[in-house]
């Protein structure tokens, strides 16, 4: 529960934003609108559809468009353009109380955006659907900013009943080099790097593709990404997965508003633990592999999940991105998980995790050579703003 000062500040900020929107409505000053759907998940009976309605303001919110614009951005002053785009993302002007139509086949529902422009609904299906990515049609029906009729397609993934396991992964300092434990460097990365200049850890794309393929190579294992990064960075992360060839999956970010009202549509105060619980409840017979890093609270969060869901977790991998001070805590957490019968390993790199995964039968042995080769190739590529990595002391076993 927010303290009285925070509540008062939020009311004041919310009131100022409402006055601004009314003035823009009277004067016809709204920028063109964009429906930004988020990659989400579903089952054969329902599809979870979510997204946001924003003024475009020059920020490219589509992954394909963003990837196509990379060369043009670098041809100009890339760092300055990235800074401008980052500022626009965090100064986004959302459109509340807009009515949106959601259609998939013969199933139809309407949803209204909340005060922060977010929307979310469970679209109940009249007929069960086959597994795979589903395209859900969105159409803006009515808003204070006009633009009725604009459309978008939401991508929703339905896992196969034959999937052997699912993968739940953190993003920052697990997939993307972010240096989240070093605040100034993380801010530098967020403000000045685009989808192409942000780099994945060496071999991570190949490792995740191998997990997705599974030991039988059928490619049925779903990947879900759960991050503490803000929803303002959604388009950047989605474009990152596209240009860096990291497997796409439903992406869950965080409402990081400090003084603005929290999203009621996405669940005020929802954290990583809550979102992981929701995924395990959505797929009650599917075991999971959990992947994170030592920089924040992934070992503790994953430990809670293991204890709450005995027999559901096939393995836990923690990328070691911290120094000695954090090591002891991580060692103790992973030892407790191993005592519960769950393989849990702190790893220096993707190859170490892959070798362990081969031993557990999570990936095919033939994938190991591809992951090692991809790691060497990724490591040899120049990386913008390269800084020394922290001293790491991972725990084996």
Protein backbone atom coordinates (compact mmCIF):
# COMPACT_ATOMS: atom_id res chain seq x y z
CA UNK A 1 0.00 0.00 0.00
CA UNK A 2 1.44 3.37 -1.01
CA UNK A 3 2.02 5.89 1.77
CA UNK A 4 -0.17 9.04 1.94
CA UNK A 5 2.44 11.28 0.29
CA UNK A 6 2.80 8.89 -2.66
CA UNK A 7 -0.99 8.61 -3.00
CA UNK A 8 -1.31 12.40 -2.94
CA UNK A 9 1.46 12.79 -5.52
CA UNK A 10 -0.13 10.18 -7.77
CA UNK A 11 -3.49 11.94 -7.60
CA UNK A 12 -1.83 15.25 -8.47
CA UNK A 13 0.09 13.75 -11.39
CA UNK A 14 -3.02 11.94 -12.62
CA UNK A 15 -5.04 15.14 -12.45
CA UNK A 16 -2.40 17.07 -14.39
CA UNK A 17 -2.33 14.41 -17.10
CA UNK A 18 -6.11 14.48 -17.41
CA UNK A 19 -6.05 18.27 -17.83
CA UNK A 20 -3.36 17.94 -20.48
CA UNK A 21 -5.38 15.34 -22.39
CA UNK A 22 -8.53 17.46 -22.30
CA UNK A 23 -6.60 20.45 -23.66
CA UNK A 24 -5.12 18.34 -26.45
CA UNK A 25 -8.59 17.01 -27.25
CA UNK A 26 -10.08 20.50 -27.52
CA UNK A 27 -7.21 21.80 -29.65
CA UNK A 28 -6.79 18.66 -31.77
CA UNK A 29 -3.14 18.25 -30.73
CA UNK A 30 -2.97 14.48 -30.27
CA UNK A 31 -0.19 12.75 -32.19
CA UNK A 32 -1.15 9.72 -34.34
CA UNK A 33 -2.08 6.75 -32.18
CA UNK A 34 -0.62 3.27 -32.15
CA UNK A 35 -2.01 0.05 -30.76
CA UNK A 36 0.96 -1.80 -29.23
CA UNK A 37 0.08 -5.46 -28.54
CA UNK A 38 2.32 -7.48 -26.22
CA UNK A 39 3.39 -11.05 -27.00
CA UNK A 40 1.33 -13.18 -24.68
CA UNK A 41 0.19 -16.71 -23.91
CA UNK A 42 -2.90 -18.86 -23.94
CA UNK A 43 -4.37 -22.34 -23.82
CA UNK A 44 -6.67 -24.25 -26.14
CA UNK A 45 -9.64 -22.64 -24.31
CA UNK A 46 -8.59 -18.99 -23.94
CA UNK A 47 -6.05 -16.44 -25.17
CA UNK A 48 -4.61 -13.73 -22.93
CA UNK A 49 -4.51 -10.51 -24.97
CA UNK A 50 -2.76 -7.43 -23.65
CA UNK A 51 -1.19 -4.24 -24.90
CA UNK A 52 -1.23 -0.47 -24.73
CA UNK A 53 -2.67 2.47 -26.66
CA UNK A 54 -0.16 5.30 -27.08
CA UNK A 55 0.56 8.39 -29.06
CA UNK A 56 3.28 7.39 -31.49
CA UNK A 57 5.58 10.42 -30.97
CA UNK A 58 8.24 9.20 -33.37
CA UNK A 59 9.11 6.00 -31.49
CA UNK A 60 8.93 2.84 -33.61
CA UNK A 61 6.96 0.31 -31.57
CA UNK A 62 6.91 -2.52 -34.10
CA UNK A 63 9.76 -5.07 -34.02
CA UNK A 64 9.98 -5.45 -37.79
CA UNK A 65 9.97 -1.69 -38.33
CA UNK A 66 12.52 -1.21 -35.57
CA UNK A 67 14.86 -3.81 -37.02
CA UNK A 68 14.53 -2.32 -40.51
CA UNK A 69 15.41 1.14 -39.20
CA UNK A 70 18.68 0.11 -37.53
CA UNK A 71 20.93 0.86 -40.52
CA UNK A 72 19.36 4.28 -41.02
CA UNK A 73 19.83 5.06 -37.34
CA UNK A 74 23.51 4.16 -37.40
CA UNK A 75 23.98 6.25 -40.56
CA UNK A 76 22.94 9.27 -38.49
CA UNK A 77 24.14 9.98 -34.96
CA UNK A 78 23.11 6.61 -33.50
CA UNK A 79 23.82 7.35 -29.83
CA UNK A 80 21.99 10.66 -29.92
CA UNK A 81 19.03 9.14 -31.78
CA UNK A 82 18.90 6.30 -29.24
CA UNK A 83 18.87 8.81 -26.39
CA UNK A 84 16.01 10.74 -27.99
CA UNK A 85 14.03 7.52 -28.53
CA UNK A 86 14.63 6.45 -24.91
CA UNK A 87 13.39 9.78 -23.58
CA UNK A 88 10.26 9.50 -25.74
CA UNK A 89 9.61 5.99 -24.44
CA UNK A 90 9.64 7.12 -20.84
CA UNK A 91 7.60 10.23 -21.64
CA UNK A 92 4.97 8.21 -23.46
CA UNK A 93 1.49 9.73 -23.70
CA UNK A 94 -1.04 6.98 -23.14
CA UNK A 95 -4.74 7.07 -24.03
CA UNK A 96 -7.15 5.94 -21.28
CA UNK A 97 -10.82 4.92 -21.56
CA UNK A 98 -10.46 3.82 -25.18
CA UNK A 99 -12.63 0.97 -26.43
CA UNK A 100 -10.86 -1.81 -28.34
CA UNK A 101 -12.36 -4.77 -30.20
CA UNK A 102 -10.59 -8.13 -29.87
CA UNK A 103 -11.31 -10.86 -32.44
CA UNK A 104 -10.04 -14.35 -33.06
CA UNK A 105 -12.07 -16.44 -35.45
CA UNK A 106 -15.64 -16.36 -34.21
CA UNK A 107 -14.64 -15.20 -30.71
CA UNK A 108 -15.16 -11.49 -29.97
CA UNK A 109 -14.83 -9.29 -26.90
CA UNK A 110 -14.28 -5.62 -26.16
CA UNK A 111 -11.92 -4.11 -23.63
CA UNK A 112 -11.34 -0.58 -22.29
CA UNK A 113 -7.87 0.84 -21.62
CA UNK A 114 -7.02 1.85 -18.06
CA UNK A 115 -5.64 5.18 -16.85
CA UNK A 116 -2.17 4.28 -18.19
CA UNK A 117 -3.46 3.12 -21.57
CA UNK A 118 -2.99 -0.59 -20.83
CA UNK A 119 -5.53 -3.30 -21.58
CA UNK A 120 -5.72 -7.01 -20.80
CA UNK A 121 -8.40 -9.66 -21.22
CA UNK A 122 -8.83 -13.39 -21.43
CA UNK A 123 -10.54 -14.05 -24.75
CA UNK A 124 -12.68 -17.13 -24.25
CA UNK A 125 -12.69 -19.30 -27.36
CA UNK A 126 -15.82 -20.84 -28.81
CA UNK A 127 -13.76 -23.71 -30.21
CA UNK A 128 -10.45 -25.18 -28.99
CA UNK A 129 -7.39 -24.06 -30.99
CA UNK A 130 -4.34 -25.94 -32.14
CA UNK A 131 -0.96 -25.13 -30.54
CA UNK A 132 1.40 -22.48 -31.91
CA UNK A 133 1.43 -18.72 -32.40
CA UNK A 134 -2.03 -17.20 -32.94
CA UNK A 135 -2.76 -13.81 -34.48
CA UNK A 136 -5.52 -11.92 -32.69
CA UNK A 137 -7.05 -8.93 -34.47
CA UNK A 138 -7.32 -5.65 -32.56
CA UNK A 139 -9.28 -2.59 -33.66
CA UNK A 140 -9.65 0.75 -31.94
CA UNK A 141 -13.38 1.51 -31.78
CA UNK A 142 -13.41 4.77 -29.85
CA UNK A 143 -11.00 7.11 -28.04
CA UNK A 144 -10.74 10.72 -26.93
CA UNK A 145 -7.90 11.13 -29.44
CA UNK A 146 -9.92 9.89 -32.40
CA UNK A 147 -8.16 7.48 -34.79
CA UNK A 148 -11.03 4.97 -34.66
CA UNK A 149 -10.37 2.12 -37.03
CA UNK A 150 -6.63 1.68 -36.48
CA UNK A 151 -5.71 -1.98 -36.27
CA UNK A 152 -2.99 -4.25 -34.96
CA UNK A 153 -2.36 -7.96 -34.53
CA UNK A 154 -1.49 -9.48 -31.17
CA UNK A 155 0.68 -12.61 -31.14
CA UNK A 156 -0.38 -15.18 -28.55
CA UNK A 157 1.40 -18.50 -28.02
CA UNK A 158 -0.46 -21.71 -27.18
CA UNK A 159 1.90 -24.52 -26.08
CA UNK A 160 1.48 -28.03 -27.37
CA UNK A 161 0.17 -30.74 -25.07
CA UNK A 162 3.21 -32.73 -26.23
CA UNK A 163 5.77 -30.20 -24.96
CA UNK A 164 8.29 -31.88 -22.67
CA UNK A 165 8.90 -28.78 -20.55
CA UNK A 166 8.66 -25.02 -20.63
CA UNK A 167 11.40 -22.46 -20.06
CA UNK A 168 10.96 -19.37 -17.89
CA UNK A 169 13.83 -16.92 -18.26
CA UNK A 170 14.82 -13.56 -16.88
CA UNK A 171 16.09 -11.06 -19.48
CA UNK A 172 18.44 -8.45 -18.02
CA UNK A 173 21.87 -9.96 -17.26
CA UNK A 174 20.48 -13.37 -18.21
CA UNK A 175 19.89 -12.90 -21.93
CA UNK A 176 21.00 -9.28 -22.47
CA UNK A 177 24.20 -7.79 -21.08
CA UNK A 178 22.69 -5.03 -18.96
CA UNK A 179 24.87 -4.77 -15.85
CA UNK A 180 21.75 -4.26 -13.76
CA UNK A 181 23.79 -4.45 -10.55
CA UNK A 182 25.75 -1.36 -11.65
CA UNK A 183 23.15 1.40 -11.75
CA UNK A 184 25.06 3.97 -13.81
CA UNK A 185 26.11 1.43 -16.43
CA UNK A 186 22.58 0.04 -16.62
CA UNK A 187 21.19 3.56 -17.17
CA UNK A 188 23.83 4.11 -19.86
CA UNK A 189 22.77 0.89 -21.60
CA UNK A 190 19.07 1.74 -21.42
CA UNK A 191 19.50 5.29 -22.71
CA UNK A 192 22.14 4.91 -25.42
CA UNK A 193 21.83 1.38 -26.83
CA UNK A 194 19.30 0.17 -29.39
CA UNK A 195 18.20 -3.36 -30.26
CA UNK A 196 21.32 -4.04 -32.32
CA UNK A 197 23.94 -2.47 -30.06
CA UNK A 198 22.56 -4.34 -27.05
CA UNK A 199 24.20 -7.74 -27.14
CA UNK A 200 23.10 -11.11 -25.80
CA UNK A 201 25.50 -13.16 -23.73
CA UNK A 202 27.60 -15.37 -26.03
CA UNK A 203 25.78 -18.53 -27.06
CA UNK A 204 22.53 -17.69 -25.30
CA UNK A 205 20.46 -17.61 -28.52
CA UNK A 206 21.78 -21.03 -29.59
CA UNK A 207 21.24 -22.46 -26.09
CA UNK A 208 17.65 -21.23 -25.95
CA UNK A 209 16.96 -22.62 -29.42
CA UNK A 210 18.29 -25.99 -28.24
CA UNK A 211 16.00 -25.91 -25.19
CA UNK A 212 13.10 -24.96 -27.43
CA UNK A 213 13.88 -27.91 -29.72
CA UNK A 214 14.28 -30.32 -26.80
CA UNK A 215 16.14 -33.63 -26.92
CA UNK A 216 13.87 -34.97 -29.67
CA UNK A 217 14.27 -31.91 -31.92
CA UNK A 218 10.52 -31.35 -32.32
CA UNK A 219 10.66 -27.70 -31.24
CA UNK A 220 7.59 -27.86 -29.02
CA UNK A 221 8.96 -26.41 -25.77
CA UNK A 222 7.64 -22.89 -25.03
CA UNK A 223 9.82 -20.07 -23.72
CA UNK A 224 8.47 -17.32 -21.47
CA UNK A 225 10.42 -14.20 -20.53
CA UNK A 226 9.77 -12.48 -17.20
CA UNK A 227 11.67 -9.27 -16.45
CA UNK A 228 11.70 -6.38 -14.00
CA UNK A 229 12.27 -3.94 -16.86
CA UNK A 230 9.49 -1.47 -17.57
CA UNK A 231 6.79 -1.85 -20.20
CA UNK A 232 8.13 1.34 -21.81
CA UNK A 233 10.99 -0.83 -23.14
CA UNK A 234 8.74 -3.50 -24.64
CA UNK A 235 9.27 -2.48 -28.27
CA UNK A 236 13.04 -2.35 -27.76
CA UNK A 237 13.16 -5.82 -26.20
CA UNK A 238 10.91 -7.33 -28.86
CA UNK A 239 13.15 -5.86 -31.56
CA UNK A 240 16.21 -7.18 -29.69
CA UNK A 241 14.89 -10.75 -29.88
CA UNK A 242 14.27 -10.26 -33.60
CA UNK A 243 17.65 -8.82 -34.62
CA UNK A 244 19.71 -11.02 -32.28
CA UNK A 245 17.92 -14.25 -33.31
CA UNK A 246 16.85 -15.10 -29.76
CA UNK A 247 13.69 -17.25 -29.78
CA UNK A 248 10.53 -15.22 -29.31
CA UNK A 249 8.19 -15.98 -26.46
CA UNK A 250 5.53 -14.28 -24.36
CA UNK A 251 7.20 -11.32 -22.64
CA UNK A 252 6.18 -10.07 -19.20
CA UNK A 253 7.58 -6.74 -18.04
CA UNK A 254 6.82 -4.48 -15.09
CA UNK A 255 4.86 -1.30 -14.47
CA UNK A 256 7.70 0.77 -13.01
CA UNK A 257 5.66 3.93 -12.42
CA UNK A 258 6.81 5.59 -9.21
CA UNK A 259 4.55 8.62 -8.92
CA UNK A 260 2.05 7.88 -11.67
CA UNK A 261 -0.93 5.57 -11.09
CA UNK A 262 -0.13 1.88 -11.49
CA UNK A 263 -1.87 -0.08 -14.21
CA UNK A 264 -5.08 -1.68 -13.03
CA UNK A 265 -5.39 -3.73 -16.21
CA UNK A 266 -2.05 -5.51 -15.80
CA UNK A 267 -2.39 -6.00 -12.07
CA UNK A 268 -1.18 -3.29 -9.72
CA UNK A 269 1.92 -4.39 -7.85
CA UNK A 270 2.36 -7.68 -9.71
CA UNK A 271 5.92 -8.96 -9.36
CA UNK A 272 8.02 -11.67 -11.00
CA UNK A 273 6.95 -14.30 -8.48
CA UNK A 274 3.25 -13.65 -9.15
CA UNK A 275 3.71 -13.89 -12.91
CA UNK A 276 5.62 -17.17 -12.67
CA UNK A 277 2.93 -18.60 -10.42
CA UNK A 278 0.33 -17.60 -13.00
CA UNK A 279 2.22 -19.47 -15.74
CA UNK A 280 2.49 -22.64 -13.66
CA UNK A 281 -1.24 -22.43 -12.94
CA UNK A 282 -2.04 -21.95 -16.64
CA UNK A 283 -0.15 -25.14 -17.55
CA UNK A 284 -0.61 -27.43 -14.53
CA UNK A 285 0.95 -30.53 -16.11
CA UNK A 286 3.96 -28.84 -17.72
CA UNK A 287 7.33 -28.96 -15.92
CA UNK A 288 9.68 -25.99 -16.25
CA UNK A 289 13.33 -25.01 -16.47
CA UNK A 290 14.07 -21.71 -14.70
CA UNK A 291 16.91 -19.47 -15.90
CA UNK A 292 18.07 -16.27 -14.22
CA UNK A 293 21.09 -14.46 -12.84
CA UNK A 294 22.70 -13.76 -9.50
CA UNK A 295 22.39 -9.99 -9.77
CA UNK A 296 18.95 -9.51 -8.27
CA UNK A 297 16.54 -11.94 -6.59
CA UNK A 298 16.20 -14.75 -9.13
CA UNK A 299 17.69 -17.47 -6.85
CA UNK A 300 15.30 -16.48 -4.06
CA UNK A 301 12.26 -16.23 -6.35
CA UNK A 302 13.02 -19.55 -8.02
CA UNK A 303 13.56 -21.15 -4.61
CA UNK A 304 10.05 -20.13 -3.60
CA UNK A 305 8.64 -21.61 -6.82
CA UNK A 306 10.47 -24.91 -6.24
CA UNK A 307 9.09 -25.20 -2.72
CA UNK A 308 5.54 -24.27 -3.76
CA UNK A 309 5.48 -26.63 -6.75
CA UNK A 310 7.32 -29.85 -5.87
CA UNK A 311 8.07 -32.00 -8.89
CA UNK A 312 7.38 -29.20 -11.41
CA UNK A 313 10.91 -27.78 -11.87
CA UNK A 314 13.35 -29.78 -14.01
CA UNK A 315 16.38 -27.52 -13.44
CA UNK A 316 17.48 -24.06 -12.30
CA UNK A 317 20.34 -22.19 -14.00
CA UNK A 318 21.73 -18.98 -12.50
CA UNK A 319 24.17 -16.93 -14.56
CA UNK A 320 26.89 -15.62 -12.23
CA UNK A 321 27.22 -11.88 -12.84
CA UNK A 322 28.22 -10.78 -9.34
CA UNK A 323 31.30 -10.87 -7.12
CA UNK A 324 32.20 -12.54 -3.85
CA UNK A 325 29.76 -10.72 -1.61
CA UNK A 326 26.73 -12.20 -3.35
CA UNK A 327 28.31 -15.61 -3.99
CA UNK A 328 27.70 -17.04 -0.52
CA UNK A 329 23.99 -16.22 -0.63
CA UNK A 330 23.63 -17.80 -4.08
CA UNK A 331 25.56 -20.92 -3.03
CA UNK A 332 23.24 -21.39 -0.06
CA UNK A 333 20.12 -20.91 -2.16
CA UNK A 334 21.22 -23.40 -4.81
CA UNK A 335 22.31 -25.93 -2.19
CA UNK A 336 18.83 -25.81 -0.69
CA UNK A 337 17.30 -26.47 -4.11
CA UNK A 338 19.60 -29.43 -4.72
CA UNK A 339 18.62 -30.80 -1.30
CA UNK A 340 15.03 -30.76 -2.56
CA UNK A 341 16.08 -32.87 -5.55
CA UNK A 342 16.16 -30.08 -8.15
CA UNK A 343 19.35 -29.74 -10.24
CA UNK A 344 20.53 -26.16 -9.62
CA UNK A 345 23.70 -24.69 -11.03
CA UNK A 346 25.47 -21.33 -11.12
CA UNK A 347 27.14 -20.96 -14.50
CA UNK A 348 29.74 -18.67 -16.02
CA UNK A 349 28.45 -19.01 -19.57
CA UNK A 350 25.92 -20.63 -21.88
CA UNK A 351 28.22 -23.55 -22.72
CA UNK A 352 28.44 -24.62 -19.09
CA UNK A 353 24.66 -24.58 -18.79
CA UNK A 354 24.34 -26.48 -22.09
CA UNK A 355 26.71 -29.25 -20.99
CA UNK A 356 24.71 -29.69 -17.80
CA UNK A 357 21.43 -29.66 -19.78
CA UNK A 358 22.74 -32.45 -22.03
CA UNK A 359 23.38 -34.55 -18.92
CA UNK A 360 19.80 -33.98 -17.77
CA UNK A 361 18.36 -34.89 -21.16
CA UNK A 362 16.98 -31.38 -21.73
CA UNK A 363 18.78 -30.86 -25.04
CA UNK A 364 20.28 -33.14 -27.66
CA UNK A 365 24.02 -33.76 -27.41
CA UNK A 366 24.46 -32.72 -31.04
CA UNK A 367 23.36 -29.18 -30.10
CA UNK A 368 26.36 -28.70 -27.84
CA UNK A 369 28.81 -28.16 -30.71
CA UNK A 370 26.49 -25.55 -32.24
CA UNK A 371 26.21 -23.72 -28.93
CA UNK A 372 29.99 -23.72 -28.45
CA UNK A 373 30.55 -22.45 -31.99
CA UNK A 374 27.89 -19.76 -31.56
CA UNK A 375 29.52 -18.70 -28.28
CA UNK A 376 32.89 -18.25 -29.98
CA UNK A 377 31.30 -16.29 -32.82
CA UNK A 378 29.31 -14.07 -30.45
CA UNK A 379 32.34 -13.40 -28.27
CA UNK A 380 34.42 -12.31 -31.25
CA UNK A 381 31.92 -9.69 -32.36
CA UNK A 382 32.62 -6.11 -31.30
CA UNK A 383 30.33 -4.86 -28.60
CA UNK A 384 29.56 -1.19 -28.08
CA UNK A 385 30.53 0.37 -24.75
CA UNK A 386 32.39 -2.75 -23.70
CA UNK A 387 33.39 -2.62 -20.02
CA UNK A 388 35.26 -5.08 -17.80
CA UNK A 389 33.08 -7.87 -16.47
CA UNK A 390 32.82 -8.24 -12.69
CA UNK A 391 34.88 -10.91 -10.99
CA UNK A 392 32.65 -13.95 -10.69
CA UNK A 393 33.03 -17.06 -8.57
CA UNK A 394 30.29 -19.50 -9.56
CA UNK A 395 29.39 -22.49 -7.45
CA UNK A 396 29.60 -25.83 -9.21
CA UNK A 397 27.57 -28.93 -8.70
